[in-house]
Amino acid sequence: MRPTSRTGSDGALLDRHPSGARRGRRAAYRKESHSVFRKGKDVILGITSYRDAARYVLGLPYGRNSDRSNWRLVLEERRGTCSTKHALLTELARENDRPVSLVLGIYEMGETNTPGVGPILQRYGLRCVPEAHCHLVYEGTRVDLTRDVRGARPIEDFLYEEEIAPQQIGGYKVDKHRHFVCRWAAERGLGFEHIWQVREVCIVALTERSK
């Protein structure tokens, strides 16, 4: 069965904990876990629950971090991408024994599902370009905490999906994306460098739009 999609403020979905014997440990988790949001014994930003963490990450602006593979920079630089934000929450889920997966997906990015890129694509005579996007999967449901964009249609038709580890959001993700774009462009008689450049222009525009 394909995962269903949820976006934006659905961080509340992740606040539930697996049932059964683990349920009784919830109070202990709230007091002693969430080391991603701790510095020594001090709680960072007053965040003491997974729901608080998800809401905080949702509220941070979109922006590339100085090191695309270091998800911890989301807290330091107060911004992040779909990769670093979701990798942070995946690691936090792992620390708290929550069944949350980090998934790399590739979809055709256009104005309908990513408002703001339409004029750029039209300028280059394109309807869409392949974009890599990371999201979470929880109990068979896609959860996206980086696409709180008005007017954006949820991404449901991924051309490719793969579960990855937080450590794979750097070089591994880029290589996988570039390989896919190369094949996608060749199938349409287009050049890889041209499509990749157009995609970069789109990402810059999205970053400026989120400020």
N, C-alpha and C. Protein backbone atom coordinates (compact mmCIF):
# COMPACT_ATOMS: atom_id res chain seq x y z
N MET A 1 0.84 -1.19 0.00
CA MET A 1 0.00 0.00 0.00
C MET A 1 0.88 1.25 0.00
N ARG A 2 0.57 2.21 -0.85
CA ARG A 2 1.34 3.45 -0.90
C ARG A 2 0.98 4.33 0.28
N PRO A 3 1.96 5.07 0.84
CA PRO A 3 1.67 5.96 1.96
C PRO A 3 0.72 7.07 1.53
N THR A 4 -0.15 7.49 2.43
CA THR A 4 -0.96 8.68 2.20
C THR A 4 -0.15 9.89 2.60
N SER A 5 -0.55 11.07 2.15
CA SER A 5 0.25 12.27 2.38
C SER A 5 -0.42 13.23 3.35
N ARG A 6 0.39 13.81 4.19
CA ARG A 6 -0.03 14.90 5.06
C ARG A 6 1.09 15.92 5.09
N THR A 7 0.73 17.22 5.15
CA THR A 7 1.74 18.26 5.12
C THR A 7 1.49 19.26 6.23
N GLY A 8 2.42 20.23 6.31
CA GLY A 8 2.22 21.37 7.20
C GLY A 8 2.14 21.02 8.66
N SER A 9 1.08 21.45 9.35
CA SER A 9 0.99 21.38 10.80
C SER A 9 0.66 20.00 11.32
N ASP A 10 0.74 18.98 10.48
CA ASP A 10 0.44 17.63 10.94
C ASP A 10 1.52 17.05 11.84
N GLY A 11 2.36 17.91 12.42
CA GLY A 11 3.32 17.43 13.38
C GLY A 11 2.62 16.77 14.55
N ALA A 12 1.36 17.12 14.81
CA ALA A 12 0.61 16.50 15.90
C ALA A 12 0.48 15.00 15.69
N LEU A 13 0.50 14.58 14.43
CA LEU A 13 0.40 13.16 14.12
C LEU A 13 1.52 12.38 14.78
N LEU A 14 2.69 13.01 14.89
CA LEU A 14 3.86 12.31 15.41
C LEU A 14 3.93 12.33 16.92
N ASP A 15 2.97 12.91 17.58
CA ASP A 15 3.03 12.98 19.03
C ASP A 15 2.58 11.69 19.67
N ARG A 16 1.88 10.84 18.90
CA ARG A 16 1.44 9.58 19.46
C ARG A 16 2.62 8.64 19.60
N HIS A 17 2.57 7.79 20.62
CA HIS A 17 3.65 6.86 20.88
C HIS A 17 3.14 5.45 20.64
N PRO A 18 3.98 4.51 20.22
CA PRO A 18 3.53 3.14 20.03
C PRO A 18 2.81 2.62 21.26
N SER A 19 1.74 1.83 21.03
CA SER A 19 0.94 1.33 22.12
C SER A 19 1.61 0.15 22.79
N GLY A 20 0.97 -0.44 23.79
CA GLY A 20 1.49 -1.62 24.45
C GLY A 20 2.40 -1.26 25.61
N ALA A 21 3.44 -2.08 25.80
CA ALA A 21 4.30 -1.92 26.96
C ALA A 21 5.02 -0.59 26.97
N ARG A 22 5.27 -0.02 25.75
CA ARG A 22 6.03 1.23 25.70
C ARG A 22 5.23 2.41 26.22
N ARG A 23 3.92 2.30 26.20
CA ARG A 23 3.08 3.43 26.58
C ARG A 23 3.40 3.91 27.98
N GLY A 24 3.70 2.99 28.89
CA GLY A 24 3.96 3.36 30.26
C GLY A 24 5.25 4.12 30.44
N ARG A 25 6.09 4.14 29.40
CA ARG A 25 7.37 4.84 29.51
C ARG A 25 7.29 6.28 29.03
N ARG A 26 6.10 6.71 28.64
CA ARG A 26 5.96 8.04 28.05
C ARG A 26 6.47 9.15 28.96
N ALA A 27 6.11 9.10 30.24
CA ALA A 27 6.54 10.15 31.18
C ALA A 27 8.05 10.20 31.27
N ALA A 28 8.69 9.02 31.28
CA ALA A 28 10.15 8.99 31.36
C ALA A 28 10.77 9.62 30.12
N TYR A 29 10.18 9.34 28.95
CA TYR A 29 10.70 9.93 27.73
C TYR A 29 10.64 11.45 27.79
N ARG A 30 9.52 11.97 28.28
CA ARG A 30 9.36 13.42 28.32
C ARG A 30 10.41 14.08 29.21
N LYS A 31 10.84 13.38 30.26
CA LYS A 31 11.78 13.96 31.20
C LYS A 31 13.23 13.78 30.78
N GLU A 32 13.54 12.62 30.16
CA GLU A 32 14.93 12.26 29.98
C GLU A 32 15.40 12.20 28.53
N SER A 33 14.48 12.26 27.57
CA SER A 33 14.88 12.09 26.18
C SER A 33 15.09 13.42 25.49
N HIS A 34 14.99 13.36 24.13
CA HIS A 34 15.14 14.56 23.31
C HIS A 34 16.53 15.18 23.44
N SER A 35 17.57 14.35 23.38
CA SER A 35 18.93 14.87 23.53
C SER A 35 19.30 15.80 22.38
N VAL A 36 18.62 15.67 21.22
CA VAL A 36 18.87 16.60 20.13
C VAL A 36 18.60 18.03 20.57
N PHE A 37 17.62 18.20 21.44
CA PHE A 37 17.25 19.52 21.92
C PHE A 37 17.78 19.78 23.34
N ARG A 38 18.86 19.11 23.69
CA ARG A 38 19.49 19.33 24.98
C ARG A 38 20.96 19.70 24.80
N LYS A 39 21.45 20.49 25.72
CA LYS A 39 22.87 20.82 25.79
C LYS A 39 23.28 20.54 27.22
N GLY A 40 23.91 19.37 27.41
CA GLY A 40 24.16 18.92 28.77
C GLY A 40 22.83 18.55 29.41
N LYS A 41 22.54 19.14 30.55
CA LYS A 41 21.28 18.87 31.22
C LYS A 41 20.24 19.94 30.92
N ASP A 42 20.63 20.94 30.13
CA ASP A 42 19.73 22.05 29.85
C ASP A 42 18.88 21.76 28.61
N VAL A 43 17.60 22.07 28.69
CA VAL A 43 16.69 21.92 27.56
C VAL A 43 16.84 23.14 26.66
N ILE A 44 17.06 22.90 25.37
CA ILE A 44 17.20 23.99 24.40
C ILE A 44 15.83 24.46 23.93
N LEU A 45 15.62 25.77 23.95
CA LEU A 45 14.41 26.39 23.39
C LEU A 45 13.13 25.98 24.12
N GLY A 46 13.24 25.37 25.28
CA GLY A 46 12.06 24.97 26.04
C GLY A 46 11.31 23.81 25.43
N ILE A 47 11.95 23.05 24.54
CA ILE A 47 11.29 21.94 23.85
C ILE A 47 11.45 20.66 24.67
N THR A 48 10.32 20.09 25.09
CA THR A 48 10.37 18.90 25.93
C THR A 48 9.52 17.75 25.39
N SER A 49 8.91 17.90 24.22
CA SER A 49 8.12 16.82 23.64
C SER A 49 8.35 16.76 22.14
N TYR A 50 8.03 15.62 21.56
CA TYR A 50 8.22 15.46 20.12
C TYR A 50 7.30 16.41 19.35
N ARG A 51 6.10 16.63 19.86
CA ARG A 51 5.19 17.57 19.19
C ARG A 51 5.78 18.97 19.18
N ASP A 52 6.35 19.40 20.31
CA ASP A 52 6.99 20.72 20.36
C ASP A 52 8.11 20.81 19.33
N ALA A 53 8.89 19.75 19.22
CA ALA A 53 10.01 19.74 18.27
C ALA A 53 9.50 19.86 16.84
N ALA A 54 8.45 19.10 16.52
CA ALA A 54 7.90 19.14 15.16
C ALA A 54 7.36 20.53 14.84
N ARG A 55 6.66 21.13 15.79
CA ARG A 55 6.10 22.47 15.56
C ARG A 55 7.22 23.49 15.39
N TYR A 56 8.27 23.36 16.18
CA TYR A 56 9.39 24.30 16.07
C TYR A 56 10.04 24.20 14.69
N VAL A 57 10.29 22.98 14.25
CA VAL A 57 10.92 22.77 12.94
C VAL A 57 10.01 23.29 11.82
N LEU A 58 8.71 23.05 11.95
CA LEU A 58 7.76 23.55 10.96
C LEU A 58 7.84 25.07 10.82
N GLY A 59 8.04 25.76 11.94
CA GLY A 59 8.05 27.21 11.92
C GLY A 59 9.34 27.85 11.44
N LEU A 60 10.40 27.08 11.30
CA LEU A 60 11.67 27.63 10.83
C LEU A 60 11.62 27.90 9.33
N PRO A 61 12.26 28.96 8.86
CA PRO A 61 12.24 29.26 7.43
C PRO A 61 13.02 28.24 6.61
N TYR A 62 12.65 28.13 5.34
CA TYR A 62 13.39 27.27 4.42
C TYR A 62 14.69 27.96 4.06
N GLY A 63 15.78 27.20 4.08
CA GLY A 63 17.07 27.75 3.67
C GLY A 63 18.15 26.70 3.78
N ARG A 64 19.05 26.70 2.84
CA ARG A 64 20.14 25.73 2.87
C ARG A 64 21.07 26.03 4.04
N ASN A 65 21.54 24.97 4.68
CA ASN A 65 22.48 25.11 5.78
C ASN A 65 23.90 25.16 5.23
N SER A 66 24.83 25.67 6.03
CA SER A 66 26.20 25.82 5.56
C SER A 66 26.85 24.48 5.24
N ASP A 67 26.35 23.41 5.84
CA ASP A 67 26.77 22.05 5.51
C ASP A 67 25.50 21.24 5.29
N ARG A 68 25.21 20.90 4.05
CA ARG A 68 23.95 20.24 3.70
C ARG A 68 23.78 18.87 4.35
N SER A 69 24.86 18.28 4.82
CA SER A 69 24.78 16.94 5.41
C SER A 69 24.67 16.97 6.94
N ASN A 70 24.78 18.14 7.54
CA ASN A 70 24.78 18.27 9.00
C ASN A 70 23.42 18.77 9.49
N TRP A 71 22.55 17.85 9.88
CA TRP A 71 21.20 18.23 10.30
C TRP A 71 21.19 18.99 11.62
N ARG A 72 22.25 18.89 12.41
CA ARG A 72 22.30 19.63 13.69
C ARG A 72 22.36 21.14 13.47
N LEU A 73 22.76 21.57 12.29
CA LEU A 73 22.84 23.00 12.00
C LEU A 73 21.47 23.66 11.93
N VAL A 74 20.41 22.87 11.83
CA VAL A 74 19.06 23.43 11.81
C VAL A 74 18.83 24.26 13.08
N LEU A 75 19.28 23.75 14.21
CA LEU A 75 19.09 24.47 15.47
C LEU A 75 20.03 25.67 15.59
N GLU A 76 21.26 25.49 15.11
CA GLU A 76 22.25 26.56 15.23
C GLU A 76 21.96 27.71 14.28
N GLU A 77 21.57 27.40 13.05
CA GLU A 77 21.37 28.42 12.03
C GLU A 77 19.91 28.86 11.89
N ARG A 78 19.03 28.20 12.62
CA ARG A 78 17.59 28.54 12.63
C ARG A 78 16.97 28.54 11.24
N ARG A 79 17.34 27.57 10.46
CA ARG A 79 16.76 27.36 9.14
C ARG A 79 17.09 25.94 8.71
N GLY A 80 16.48 25.50 7.61
CA GLY A 80 16.80 24.17 7.13
C GLY A 80 16.03 23.83 5.87
N THR A 81 16.41 22.73 5.26
CA THR A 81 15.76 22.24 4.06
C THR A 81 14.92 21.02 4.43
N CYS A 82 14.28 20.45 3.42
CA CYS A 82 13.51 19.23 3.67
C CYS A 82 14.43 18.12 4.18
N SER A 83 15.68 18.15 3.75
CA SER A 83 16.63 17.11 4.16
C SER A 83 17.07 17.29 5.61
N THR A 84 17.58 18.46 5.94
CA THR A 84 18.12 18.65 7.29
C THR A 84 17.03 18.68 8.35
N LYS A 85 15.89 19.29 8.04
CA LYS A 85 14.80 19.35 9.02
C LYS A 85 14.26 17.96 9.34
N HIS A 86 14.00 17.19 8.30
CA HIS A 86 13.42 15.87 8.52
C HIS A 86 14.45 14.88 9.07
N ALA A 87 15.72 15.07 8.73
CA ALA A 87 16.77 14.22 9.31
C ALA A 87 16.87 14.48 10.81
N LEU A 88 16.75 15.73 11.22
CA LEU A 88 16.77 16.08 12.64
C LEU A 88 15.66 15.37 13.39
N LEU A 89 14.45 15.42 12.82
CA LEU A 89 13.30 14.79 13.48
C LEU A 89 13.38 13.26 13.43
N THR A 90 14.02 12.73 12.40
CA THR A 90 14.21 11.28 12.34
C THR A 90 15.17 10.82 13.43
N GLU A 91 16.24 11.56 13.63
CA GLU A 91 17.19 11.21 14.68
C GLU A 91 16.55 11.34 16.06
N LEU A 92 15.75 12.37 16.23
CA LEU A 92 15.05 12.54 17.50
C LEU A 92 14.08 11.39 17.73
N ALA A 93 13.42 10.94 16.69
CA ALA A 93 12.51 9.80 16.80
C ALA A 93 13.27 8.54 17.18
N ARG A 94 14.44 8.34 16.58
CA ARG A 94 15.25 7.17 16.90
C ARG A 94 15.64 7.17 18.37
N GLU A 95 16.03 8.32 18.88
CA GLU A 95 16.43 8.43 20.29
C GLU A 95 15.28 8.08 21.22
N ASN A 96 14.06 8.31 20.75
CA ASN A 96 12.88 8.09 21.57
C ASN A 96 12.09 6.84 21.18
N ASP A 97 12.72 5.98 20.36
CA ASP A 97 12.11 4.71 19.99
C ASP A 97 10.76 4.89 19.32
N ARG A 98 10.67 5.86 18.41
CA ARG A 98 9.44 6.10 17.67
C ARG A 98 9.60 5.58 16.23
N PRO A 99 8.57 4.95 15.68
CA PRO A 99 8.65 4.35 14.34
C PRO A 99 8.50 5.37 13.22
N VAL A 100 9.46 6.26 13.10
CA VAL A 100 9.43 7.30 12.07
C VAL A 100 10.58 7.05 11.10
N SER A 101 10.27 7.04 9.81
CA SER A 101 11.28 6.78 8.78
C SER A 101 11.54 8.05 7.97
N LEU A 102 12.78 8.19 7.53
CA LEU A 102 13.17 9.28 6.63
C LEU A 102 13.18 8.72 5.21
N VAL A 103 12.44 9.38 4.32
CA VAL A 103 12.30 8.87 2.95
C VAL A 103 12.74 9.93 1.95
N LEU A 104 13.56 9.51 1.01
CA LEU A 104 13.96 10.35 -0.12
C LEU A 104 13.04 10.05 -1.29
N GLY A 105 12.41 11.07 -1.81
CA GLY A 105 11.54 10.91 -2.96
C GLY A 105 11.93 11.88 -4.06
N ILE A 106 11.64 11.54 -5.29
CA ILE A 106 11.88 12.42 -6.43
C ILE A 106 10.57 12.62 -7.17
N TYR A 107 10.21 13.86 -7.38
CA TYR A 107 8.95 14.20 -8.04
C TYR A 107 9.19 15.27 -9.10
N GLU A 108 8.20 15.48 -9.95
CA GLU A 108 8.31 16.52 -10.96
C GLU A 108 7.80 17.84 -10.37
N MET A 109 8.72 18.75 -10.12
CA MET A 109 8.41 20.03 -9.49
C MET A 109 7.85 21.02 -10.51
N GLY A 110 6.66 21.52 -10.23
CA GLY A 110 6.03 22.52 -11.09
C GLY A 110 5.26 23.50 -10.23
N GLU A 111 4.61 24.43 -10.88
CA GLU A 111 3.89 25.48 -10.15
C GLU A 111 2.76 24.93 -9.29
N THR A 112 2.10 23.87 -9.72
CA THR A 112 0.96 23.33 -8.98
C THR A 112 1.35 22.80 -7.62
N ASN A 113 2.44 22.04 -7.57
CA ASN A 113 2.84 21.47 -6.28
C ASN A 113 3.92 22.27 -5.57
N THR A 114 4.51 23.24 -6.27
CA THR A 114 5.55 24.08 -5.66
C THR A 114 5.39 25.51 -6.15
N PRO A 115 4.42 26.25 -5.59
CA PRO A 115 4.17 27.62 -6.04
C PRO A 115 5.42 28.49 -5.98
N GLY A 116 5.64 29.23 -7.05
CA GLY A 116 6.79 30.12 -7.11
C GLY A 116 7.78 29.74 -8.19
N VAL A 117 7.73 28.47 -8.64
CA VAL A 117 8.69 28.03 -9.67
C VAL A 117 8.12 28.15 -11.07
N GLY A 118 6.81 28.35 -11.19
CA GLY A 118 6.17 28.41 -12.50
C GLY A 118 6.77 29.42 -13.45
N PRO A 119 6.92 30.69 -13.05
CA PRO A 119 7.49 31.69 -13.96
C PRO A 119 8.90 31.34 -14.42
N ILE A 120 9.68 30.73 -13.54
CA ILE A 120 11.05 30.35 -13.91
C ILE A 120 11.02 29.23 -14.94
N LEU A 121 10.22 28.24 -14.69
CA LEU A 121 10.12 27.13 -15.64
C LEU A 121 9.62 27.60 -16.99
N GLN A 122 8.64 28.49 -16.97
CA GLN A 122 8.09 29.02 -18.23
C GLN A 122 9.16 29.78 -19.01
N ARG A 123 10.00 30.50 -18.29
CA ARG A 123 11.08 31.26 -18.92
C ARG A 123 12.01 30.34 -19.70
N TYR A 124 12.20 29.13 -19.20
CA TYR A 124 13.09 28.18 -19.85
C TYR A 124 12.34 27.18 -20.74
N GLY A 125 11.04 27.40 -20.90
CA GLY A 125 10.26 26.53 -21.75
C GLY A 125 10.00 25.15 -21.19
N LEU A 126 9.92 25.06 -19.86
CA LEU A 126 9.71 23.78 -19.20
C LEU A 126 8.43 23.80 -18.38
N ARG A 127 7.82 22.64 -18.24
CA ARG A 127 6.63 22.50 -17.40
C ARG A 127 7.02 22.08 -15.98
N CYS A 128 8.12 21.33 -15.87
CA CYS A 128 8.56 20.81 -14.58
C CYS A 128 10.01 20.36 -14.67
N VAL A 129 10.62 20.12 -13.53
CA VAL A 129 11.95 19.51 -13.44
C VAL A 129 11.94 18.54 -12.27
N PRO A 130 12.73 17.49 -12.32
CA PRO A 130 12.76 16.54 -11.21
C PRO A 130 13.43 17.15 -9.98
N GLU A 131 12.78 17.05 -8.86
CA GLU A 131 13.33 17.57 -7.61
C GLU A 131 13.35 16.46 -6.56
N ALA A 132 14.41 16.41 -5.79
CA ALA A 132 14.51 15.45 -4.69
C ALA A 132 13.91 16.09 -3.45
N HIS A 133 13.14 15.32 -2.73
CA HIS A 133 12.46 15.84 -1.54
C HIS A 133 12.43 14.79 -0.45
N CYS A 134 12.83 15.17 0.74
CA CYS A 134 12.79 14.27 1.89
C CYS A 134 11.55 14.53 2.73
N HIS A 135 10.95 13.47 3.22
CA HIS A 135 9.80 13.59 4.10
C HIS A 135 9.85 12.45 5.11
N LEU A 136 8.93 12.46 6.04
CA LEU A 136 8.84 11.41 7.04
C LEU A 136 7.70 10.46 6.69
N VAL A 137 7.80 9.24 7.16
CA VAL A 137 6.69 8.30 7.07
C VAL A 137 6.45 7.74 8.45
N TYR A 138 5.20 7.85 8.90
CA TYR A 138 4.81 7.39 10.23
C TYR A 138 3.53 6.57 10.10
N GLU A 139 3.61 5.31 10.45
CA GLU A 139 2.45 4.41 10.38
C GLU A 139 1.78 4.46 9.00
N GLY A 140 2.59 4.41 7.94
CA GLY A 140 2.07 4.38 6.59
C GLY A 140 1.62 5.71 6.04
N THR A 141 1.85 6.79 6.77
CA THR A 141 1.42 8.12 6.33
C THR A 141 2.62 9.03 6.11
N ARG A 142 2.68 9.67 4.95
CA ARG A 142 3.72 10.67 4.71
C ARG A 142 3.45 11.90 5.55
N VAL A 143 4.47 12.41 6.19
CA VAL A 143 4.36 13.64 6.98
C VAL A 143 5.43 14.60 6.51
N ASP A 144 5.03 15.78 6.07
CA ASP A 144 5.97 16.76 5.51
C ASP A 144 5.88 18.04 6.34
N LEU A 145 6.96 18.35 7.04
CA LEU A 145 6.97 19.52 7.91
C LEU A 145 7.77 20.68 7.30
N THR A 146 7.96 20.65 5.99
CA THR A 146 8.68 21.74 5.34
C THR A 146 7.90 22.36 4.19
N ARG A 147 6.68 21.90 3.98
CA ARG A 147 5.90 22.41 2.85
C ARG A 147 4.61 23.07 3.33
N ASP A 148 4.73 23.97 4.29
CA ASP A 148 3.57 24.72 4.77
C ASP A 148 3.36 25.92 3.84
N VAL A 149 3.01 25.62 2.60
CA VAL A 149 2.91 26.63 1.55
C VAL A 149 1.47 26.77 1.10
N ARG A 150 0.94 27.97 1.19
CA ARG A 150 -0.44 28.19 0.77
C ARG A 150 -0.58 27.95 -0.73
N GLY A 151 -1.62 27.23 -1.08
CA GLY A 151 -1.89 26.99 -2.49
C GLY A 151 -1.13 25.82 -3.09
N ALA A 152 -0.24 25.19 -2.28
CA ALA A 152 0.54 24.09 -2.82
C ALA A 152 -0.22 22.78 -2.70
N ARG A 153 -0.26 22.03 -3.77
CA ARG A 153 -0.89 20.73 -3.76
C ARG A 153 0.10 19.73 -3.14
N PRO A 154 -0.35 18.87 -2.23
CA PRO A 154 0.56 17.89 -1.62
C PRO A 154 1.23 17.04 -2.68
N ILE A 155 2.49 16.69 -2.45
CA ILE A 155 3.20 15.83 -3.38
C ILE A 155 2.76 14.40 -3.13
N GLU A 156 2.13 13.79 -4.09
CA GLU A 156 1.65 12.42 -3.96
C GLU A 156 2.22 11.48 -5.01
N ASP A 157 2.52 12.03 -6.18
CA ASP A 157 3.00 11.19 -7.28
C ASP A 157 4.53 11.25 -7.37
N PHE A 158 5.19 10.54 -6.47
CA PHE A 158 6.65 10.46 -6.52
C PHE A 158 7.07 9.49 -7.62
N LEU A 159 8.07 9.87 -8.36
CA LEU A 159 8.61 9.00 -9.40
C LEU A 159 9.53 7.95 -8.79
N TYR A 160 10.07 8.25 -7.62
CA TYR A 160 11.01 7.35 -6.96
C TYR A 160 10.98 7.63 -5.47
N GLU A 161 11.04 6.58 -4.65
CA GLU A 161 11.10 6.73 -3.21
C GLU A 161 12.05 5.68 -2.63
N GLU A 162 12.75 6.08 -1.57
CA GLU A 162 13.70 5.18 -0.91
C GLU A 162 13.90 5.64 0.53
N GLU A 163 13.83 4.71 1.46
CA GLU A 163 14.11 5.04 2.85
C GLU A 163 15.62 5.20 3.02
N ILE A 164 16.03 6.28 3.67
CA ILE A 164 17.45 6.54 3.88
C ILE A 164 17.71 6.86 5.35
N ALA A 165 18.97 6.92 5.71
CA ALA A 165 19.38 7.30 7.07
C ALA A 165 19.72 8.78 7.08
N PRO A 166 19.64 9.44 8.25
CA PRO A 166 20.00 10.86 8.33
C PRO A 166 21.39 11.15 7.78
N GLN A 167 22.31 10.19 7.89
CA GLN A 167 23.67 10.39 7.41
C GLN A 167 23.76 10.39 5.88
N GLN A 168 22.67 10.08 5.20
CA GLN A 168 22.69 9.98 3.73
C GLN A 168 22.09 11.21 3.04
N ILE A 169 21.80 12.27 3.79
CA ILE A 169 21.17 13.43 3.18
C ILE A 169 22.16 14.31 2.42
N GLY A 170 23.45 14.02 2.52
CA GLY A 170 24.45 14.80 1.82
C GLY A 170 24.77 14.24 0.45
N GLY A 171 25.98 13.69 0.32
CA GLY A 171 26.45 13.20 -0.96
C GLY A 171 25.58 12.11 -1.58
N TYR A 172 25.08 11.20 -0.75
CA TYR A 172 24.26 10.11 -1.28
C TYR A 172 23.01 10.65 -1.96
N LYS A 173 22.32 11.57 -1.29
CA LYS A 173 21.09 12.13 -1.86
C LYS A 173 21.39 12.89 -3.15
N VAL A 174 22.45 13.69 -3.15
CA VAL A 174 22.79 14.46 -4.34
C VAL A 174 23.12 13.55 -5.52
N ASP A 175 23.91 12.51 -5.27
CA ASP A 175 24.27 11.58 -6.34
C ASP A 175 23.04 10.89 -6.92
N LYS A 176 22.14 10.47 -6.04
CA LYS A 176 20.92 9.80 -6.48
C LYS A 176 20.07 10.75 -7.33
N HIS A 177 19.99 12.00 -6.89
CA HIS A 177 19.20 13.01 -7.60
C HIS A 177 19.81 13.31 -8.97
N ARG A 178 21.11 13.53 -9.01
CA ARG A 178 21.78 13.85 -10.27
C ARG A 178 21.64 12.70 -11.28
N HIS A 179 21.76 11.48 -10.80
CA HIS A 179 21.61 10.32 -11.68
C HIS A 179 20.20 10.28 -12.28
N PHE A 180 19.21 10.57 -11.44
CA PHE A 180 17.82 10.55 -11.92
C PHE A 180 17.59 11.66 -12.94
N VAL A 181 18.08 12.86 -12.65
CA VAL A 181 17.90 13.99 -13.57
C VAL A 181 18.58 13.70 -14.90
N CYS A 182 19.73 13.08 -14.85
CA CYS A 182 20.46 12.75 -16.08
C CYS A 182 19.61 11.83 -16.96
N ARG A 183 19.03 10.83 -16.37
CA ARG A 183 18.19 9.89 -17.13
C ARG A 183 16.91 10.57 -17.61
N TRP A 184 16.29 11.37 -16.74
CA TRP A 184 15.05 12.07 -17.08
C TRP A 184 15.27 13.02 -18.25
N ALA A 185 16.36 13.76 -18.22
CA ALA A 185 16.67 14.71 -19.29
C ALA A 185 16.95 13.98 -20.60
N ALA A 186 17.71 12.91 -20.54
CA ALA A 186 18.06 12.16 -21.75
C ALA A 186 16.81 11.59 -22.41
N GLU A 187 15.86 11.13 -21.64
CA GLU A 187 14.63 10.57 -22.20
C GLU A 187 13.81 11.61 -22.95
N ARG A 188 14.06 12.89 -22.67
CA ARG A 188 13.31 13.98 -23.30
C ARG A 188 14.17 14.78 -24.28
N GLY A 189 15.36 14.29 -24.55
CA GLY A 189 16.24 14.97 -25.48
C GLY A 189 16.77 16.28 -24.95
N LEU A 190 16.90 16.38 -23.62
CA LEU A 190 17.38 17.59 -22.98
C LEU A 190 18.75 17.35 -22.35
N GLY A 191 19.48 18.43 -22.10
CA GLY A 191 20.80 18.31 -21.49
C GLY A 191 20.73 18.31 -19.97
N PHE A 192 21.53 17.47 -19.36
CA PHE A 192 21.55 17.40 -17.90
C PHE A 192 21.92 18.74 -17.27
N GLU A 193 22.98 19.36 -17.74
CA GLU A 193 23.45 20.61 -17.14
C GLU A 193 22.39 21.70 -17.20
N HIS A 194 21.66 21.74 -18.31
CA HIS A 194 20.61 22.75 -18.47
C HIS A 194 19.50 22.53 -17.43
N ILE A 195 19.04 21.29 -17.29
CA ILE A 195 17.97 21.00 -16.34
C ILE A 195 18.42 21.25 -14.91
N TRP A 196 19.65 20.87 -14.60
CA TRP A 196 20.17 21.07 -13.25
C TRP A 196 20.30 22.56 -12.93
N GLN A 197 20.69 23.34 -13.91
CA GLN A 197 20.81 24.78 -13.71
C GLN A 197 19.44 25.41 -13.46
N VAL A 198 18.43 25.01 -14.24
CA VAL A 198 17.09 25.53 -14.05
C VAL A 198 16.58 25.18 -12.65
N ARG A 199 16.85 23.97 -12.22
CA ARG A 199 16.45 23.54 -10.89
C ARG A 199 17.11 24.41 -9.81
N GLU A 200 18.38 24.73 -9.99
CA GLU A 200 19.08 25.58 -9.02
C GLU A 200 18.45 26.97 -8.95
N VAL A 201 18.06 27.52 -10.09
CA VAL A 201 17.40 28.83 -10.12
C VAL A 201 16.08 28.75 -9.35
N CYS A 202 15.36 27.65 -9.52
CA CYS A 202 14.09 27.47 -8.81
C CYS A 202 14.30 27.43 -7.30
N ILE A 203 15.33 26.72 -6.84
CA ILE A 203 15.60 26.60 -5.42
C ILE A 203 15.95 27.95 -4.81
N VAL A 204 16.72 28.74 -5.53
CA VAL A 204 17.07 30.09 -5.06
C VAL A 204 15.81 30.92 -4.90
N ALA A 205 14.91 30.83 -5.88
CA ALA A 205 13.66 31.59 -5.82
C ALA A 205 12.80 31.15 -4.64
N LEU A 206 12.75 29.86 -4.35
CA LEU A 206 11.98 29.36 -3.23
C LEU A 206 12.56 29.83 -1.90
N THR A 207 13.88 29.89 -1.83
CA THR A 207 14.54 30.36 -0.61
C THR A 207 14.19 31.82 -0.36
N GLU A 208 14.23 32.64 -1.40
CA GLU A 208 13.89 34.05 -1.26
C GLU A 208 12.43 34.23 -0.90
N ARG A 209 11.59 33.38 -1.45
CA ARG A 209 10.14 33.46 -1.20
C ARG A 209 9.82 33.17 0.26
N SER A 210 10.61 32.31 0.91
CA SER A 210 10.32 31.91 2.29
C SER A 210 10.80 32.92 3.32
N LYS A 211 11.60 33.89 2.91
CA LYS A 211 12.14 34.87 3.86
C LYS A 211 11.05 35.84 4.32
